[in-house]
Amino acid sequence: MNKLYVGNLGNEITEEIIRQQFNKNIGKVDEVKLIINRHSETNYAFVKLQRIEDCEKAVHNFNKYISYNWTVYKSNDTIKE
């Protein structure tokens, strides 16, 4: 599956910012779906990448090196949109 869960997103983060950062640092993005949590200061998103190989790269790079406080996981059936 080439879909990622991206968590711990501040209210200032938009779908366009997510798309730009993934395109710049990881690879081509097919789709971004930002979910606004009105009961919290953090939101989350689902990001679909064109290449499955880019998912591992994203999980590794965003969680280890890229200077954001974003949490990136591979999406699976236990995460409902």
Protein backbone atom coordinates (compact mmCIF):
# COMPACT_ATOMS: atom_id res chain seq x y z
CA MET A 1 0.00 0.00 0.00
CA ASN A 2 1.33 3.43 -0.91
CA LYS A 3 -0.67 5.41 1.63
CA LEU A 4 0.71 7.08 4.74
CA TYR A 5 -0.76 8.46 7.94
CA VAL A 6 0.85 11.76 8.93
CA GLY A 7 0.11 12.93 12.45
CA ASN A 8 0.99 15.69 14.87
CA LEU A 9 0.23 18.43 12.33
CA GLY A 10 -0.26 21.94 13.67
CA ASN A 11 -3.24 24.08 12.71
CA GLU A 12 -1.03 26.14 10.38
CA ILE A 13 -0.33 23.10 8.16
CA THR A 14 -2.35 22.91 4.94
CA GLU A 15 -2.72 20.22 2.29
CA GLU A 16 -0.50 22.32 0.03
CA ILE A 17 2.30 22.47 2.63
CA ILE A 18 2.16 18.70 3.08
CA ARG A 19 2.18 18.14 -0.69
CA GLN A 20 5.15 20.50 -1.15
CA GLN A 21 7.22 18.88 1.61
CA PHE A 22 6.59 15.33 0.38
CA ASN A 23 7.28 16.28 -3.25
CA LYS A 24 10.49 18.06 -2.22
CA ASN A 25 11.83 15.46 0.22
CA ILE A 26 10.31 12.11 -0.75
CA GLY A 27 8.66 11.71 -4.14
CA LYS A 28 5.59 12.41 -6.24
CA VAL A 29 2.33 12.76 -4.29
CA ASP A 30 -0.95 11.54 -5.77
CA GLU A 31 -3.30 12.74 -3.05
CA VAL A 32 -3.38 14.54 0.32
CA LYS A 33 -6.39 14.43 2.62
CA LEU A 34 -6.05 16.69 5.68
CA ILE A 35 -8.31 15.87 8.64
CA ILE A 36 -9.02 18.79 10.98
CA ASN A 37 -9.47 17.85 14.63
CA ARG A 38 -11.53 20.67 16.12
CA HIS A 39 -11.03 19.30 19.67
CA SER A 40 -7.24 19.41 19.57
CA GLU A 41 -4.36 21.62 18.46
CA THR A 42 -3.02 18.87 16.20
CA ASN A 43 -4.47 17.45 13.01
CA TYR A 44 -3.58 14.52 10.77
CA ALA A 45 -3.53 13.65 7.10
CA PHE A 46 -3.43 10.73 4.70
CA VAL A 47 -0.87 11.02 1.92
CA LYS A 48 -0.92 8.75 -1.12
CA LEU A 49 2.39 8.48 -2.96
CA GLN A 50 2.86 7.31 -6.54
CA ARG A 51 5.57 4.78 -5.68
CA ILE A 52 5.35 2.24 -2.90
CA GLU A 53 9.13 2.51 -2.36
CA ASP A 54 8.68 6.14 -1.34
CA CYS A 55 6.56 5.10 1.66
CA GLU A 56 9.53 3.51 3.45
CA LYS A 57 11.65 6.52 2.56
CA ALA A 58 8.99 8.86 3.97
CA VAL A 59 8.62 6.93 7.23
CA HIS A 60 12.38 6.87 7.73
CA ASN A 61 13.15 10.43 6.65
CA PHE A 62 10.28 12.30 8.30
CA ASN A 63 10.58 10.42 11.58
CA LYS A 64 14.39 10.61 11.75
CA TYR A 65 15.84 13.49 9.74
CA ILE A 66 13.44 16.06 8.36
CA SER A 67 13.04 18.85 10.91
CA TYR A 68 9.32 18.66 11.52
CA ASN A 69 7.53 17.24 14.47
CA TRP A 70 5.33 15.19 12.14
CA THR A 71 4.72 11.51 12.82
CA VAL A 72 4.60 9.34 9.69
CA TYR A 73 3.32 5.75 9.53
CA LYS A 74 2.26 3.41 6.80
CA SER A 75 -1.52 3.48 6.68
CA ASN A 76 -3.32 0.18 7.19
CA ASP A 77 -6.80 -1.21 7.67
CA THR A 78 -6.85 -0.28 11.36
CA ILE A 79 -6.79 3.43 10.53
CA LYS A 80 -10.16 4.63 9.32
CA GLU A 81 -10.52 7.84 7.32
